């Protein structure tokens, strides 16, 4: 098994709305299920946290066998030094990774990853199942 060496990920910013009917503890569990090192800042009608590890995200993508889907979402959300995407909060709460395609009634977990090497990080999190190892990203 290969040991992943990720590019430096200085910050992962997480933000999700919390409706009055939602338990703060459950919202935090949803975030921690994907980013177990999350440190929470704001915890009122909006929950905000910061993390630095993508390891659990990577594990869930592999375990659920959704690398190509995840790769498509990550590539679509990339910019110069960031990757932006949404995760379904209810799915995250039960330990399942589901990328948000449309807005959900309870709101999604908005993820913003800041990194020095966006393409390499995407390749490390969700490498293509269609390319050979070491081959350049398309």
Protein backbone atom coordinates (compact mmCIF):
# COMPACT_ATOMS: atom_id res chain seq x y z
CA UNK A 1 0.00 0.00 0.00
CA UNK A 2 1.34 3.42 -0.91
CA UNK A 3 1.74 6.05 1.77
CA UNK A 4 0.22 9.32 0.61
CA UNK A 5 2.35 12.42 0.88
CA UNK A 6 -0.01 15.32 0.40
CA UNK A 7 1.01 18.77 -0.77
CA UNK A 8 0.97 21.29 2.01
CA UNK A 9 -2.64 22.06 2.95
CA UNK A 10 -2.43 25.19 5.04
CA UNK A 11 -6.17 25.60 5.60
CA UNK A 12 -9.46 23.88 5.05
CA UNK A 13 -12.33 26.25 5.80
CA UNK A 14 -15.70 24.68 6.58
CA UNK A 15 -19.03 26.47 6.85
CA UNK A 16 -22.59 25.25 7.17
CA UNK A 17 -25.88 26.81 8.20
CA UNK A 18 -27.60 25.47 11.31
CA UNK A 19 -31.37 25.64 11.27
CA UNK A 20 -33.24 26.18 14.58
CA UNK A 21 -34.51 22.59 14.39
CA UNK A 22 -30.98 21.13 14.10
CA UNK A 23 -28.87 20.01 17.02
CA UNK A 24 -25.51 21.79 17.21
CA UNK A 25 -23.90 18.52 18.32
CA UNK A 26 -25.21 16.69 15.24
CA UNK A 27 -24.03 19.42 12.88
CA UNK A 28 -20.56 19.22 14.46
CA UNK A 29 -20.58 15.42 14.14
CA UNK A 30 -21.35 15.77 10.42
CA UNK A 31 -18.28 17.99 9.99
CA UNK A 32 -16.06 15.80 12.17
CA UNK A 33 -17.04 12.66 10.25
CA UNK A 34 -15.26 14.07 7.20
CA UNK A 35 -12.68 16.35 8.85
CA UNK A 36 -11.86 14.85 12.28
CA UNK A 37 -9.25 17.52 13.03
CA UNK A 38 -11.77 20.38 12.60
CA UNK A 39 -11.50 23.16 15.15
CA UNK A 40 -14.75 25.05 15.57
CA UNK A 41 -14.96 28.82 15.75
CA UNK A 42 -18.48 30.06 15.18
CA UNK A 43 -21.32 27.90 16.54
CA UNK A 44 -24.66 29.69 16.20
CA UNK A 45 -26.96 29.92 13.16
CA UNK A 46 -23.82 29.23 11.11
CA UNK A 47 -21.18 26.72 12.13
CA UNK A 48 -17.64 27.46 10.98
CA UNK A 49 -14.54 25.36 11.46
CA UNK A 50 -11.00 25.05 10.21
CA UNK A 51 -9.09 21.84 9.51
CA UNK A 52 -5.79 20.84 7.94
CA UNK A 53 -6.07 17.17 6.95
CA UNK A 54 -7.76 15.65 3.89
CA UNK A 55 -6.93 12.09 4.93
CA UNK A 56 -10.45 11.08 6.05
CA UNK A 57 -11.96 12.68 2.92
CA UNK A 58 -9.54 10.64 0.83
CA UNK A 59 -10.36 7.43 2.74
CA UNK A 60 -14.09 7.92 2.31
CA UNK A 61 -13.72 8.57 -1.42
CA UNK A 62 -11.74 5.32 -1.80
CA UNK A 63 -13.95 3.22 0.48
CA UNK A 64 -17.12 4.33 -1.29
CA UNK A 65 -15.45 3.83 -4.69
CA UNK A 66 -16.39 7.28 -5.94
CA UNK A 67 -12.98 8.49 -7.11
CA UNK A 68 -14.10 9.52 -10.60
CA UNK A 69 -17.12 11.41 -9.27
CA UNK A 70 -15.04 13.08 -6.56
CA UNK A 71 -12.35 13.97 -9.08
CA UNK A 72 -14.90 15.61 -11.36
CA UNK A 73 -16.30 17.67 -8.47
CA UNK A 74 -12.83 18.70 -7.26
CA UNK A 75 -11.67 19.66 -10.75
CA UNK A 76 -14.84 21.68 -11.30
CA UNK A 77 -14.24 23.56 -8.03
CA UNK A 78 -10.58 24.38 -8.50
CA UNK A 79 -9.11 27.85 -8.82
CA UNK A 80 -5.56 29.17 -8.59
CA UNK A 81 -4.82 28.12 -4.99
CA UNK A 82 -8.18 26.78 -3.83
CA UNK A 83 -10.65 23.96 -4.28
CA UNK A 84 -14.31 24.66 -3.42
CA UNK A 85 -17.14 22.12 -3.14
CA UNK A 86 -20.16 21.24 -1.06
CA UNK A 87 -20.99 18.13 0.95
CA UNK A 88 -24.43 16.94 1.97
CA UNK A 89 -24.67 17.52 5.72
CA UNK A 90 -27.18 14.72 6.40
CA UNK A 91 -25.07 12.15 4.54
CA UNK A 92 -21.94 13.31 6.39
CA UNK A 93 -23.73 12.88 9.71
CA UNK A 94 -24.27 9.17 9.02
CA UNK A 95 -20.68 8.75 7.77
CA UNK A 96 -21.36 8.78 4.04
CA UNK A 97 -19.74 11.15 1.58
CA UNK A 98 -22.15 12.79 -0.85
CA UNK A 99 -21.21 15.80 -2.93
CA UNK A 100 -23.88 18.48 -3.03
CA UNK A 101 -25.32 18.93 -6.51
CA UNK A 102 -28.19 21.20 -5.52
CA UNK A 103 -29.04 23.14 -2.38
CA UNK A 104 -30.70 21.02 0.30
CA UNK A 105 -33.29 22.22 2.83
CA UNK A 106 -30.88 21.99 5.77
CA UNK A 107 -27.96 23.43 3.82
CA UNK A 108 -24.69 21.84 2.85
CA UNK A 109 -21.21 21.85 4.30
CA UNK A 110 -19.25 24.32 2.20
CA UNK A 111 -15.60 23.30 1.89
CA UNK A 112 -12.78 25.60 0.78
CA UNK A 113 -9.31 24.04 0.64
CA UNK A 114 -6.34 26.36 0.26
CA UNK A 115 -3.20 24.69 -1.08
CA UNK A 116 0.01 25.52 -2.92
CA UNK A 117 -0.51 22.80 -5.55
CA UNK A 118 -4.18 22.33 -6.45
CA UNK A 119 -3.66 19.75 -9.21
CA UNK A 120 -1.39 17.56 -7.11
CA UNK A 121 -3.76 17.65 -4.14
CA UNK A 122 -6.69 16.64 -6.36
CA UNK A 123 -4.58 13.82 -7.78
CA UNK A 124 -3.70 12.66 -4.25
CA UNK A 125 -7.25 12.86 -2.91
CA UNK A 126 -9.00 11.31 -5.91
CA UNK A 127 -6.58 10.09 -8.52
CA UNK A 128 -8.01 9.24 -11.87
CA UNK A 129 -8.96 5.63 -12.44
CA UNK A 130 -8.38 6.27 -16.14
CA UNK A 131 -4.74 7.43 -16.14
CA UNK A 132 -1.51 5.62 -15.44
CA UNK A 133 0.44 6.54 -12.27
CA UNK A 134 2.82 9.41 -12.93
CA UNK A 135 0.94 10.54 -16.05
CA UNK A 136 0.13 14.26 -16.12
CA UNK A 137 -3.35 15.52 -15.27
CA UNK A 138 -5.57 16.34 -18.21
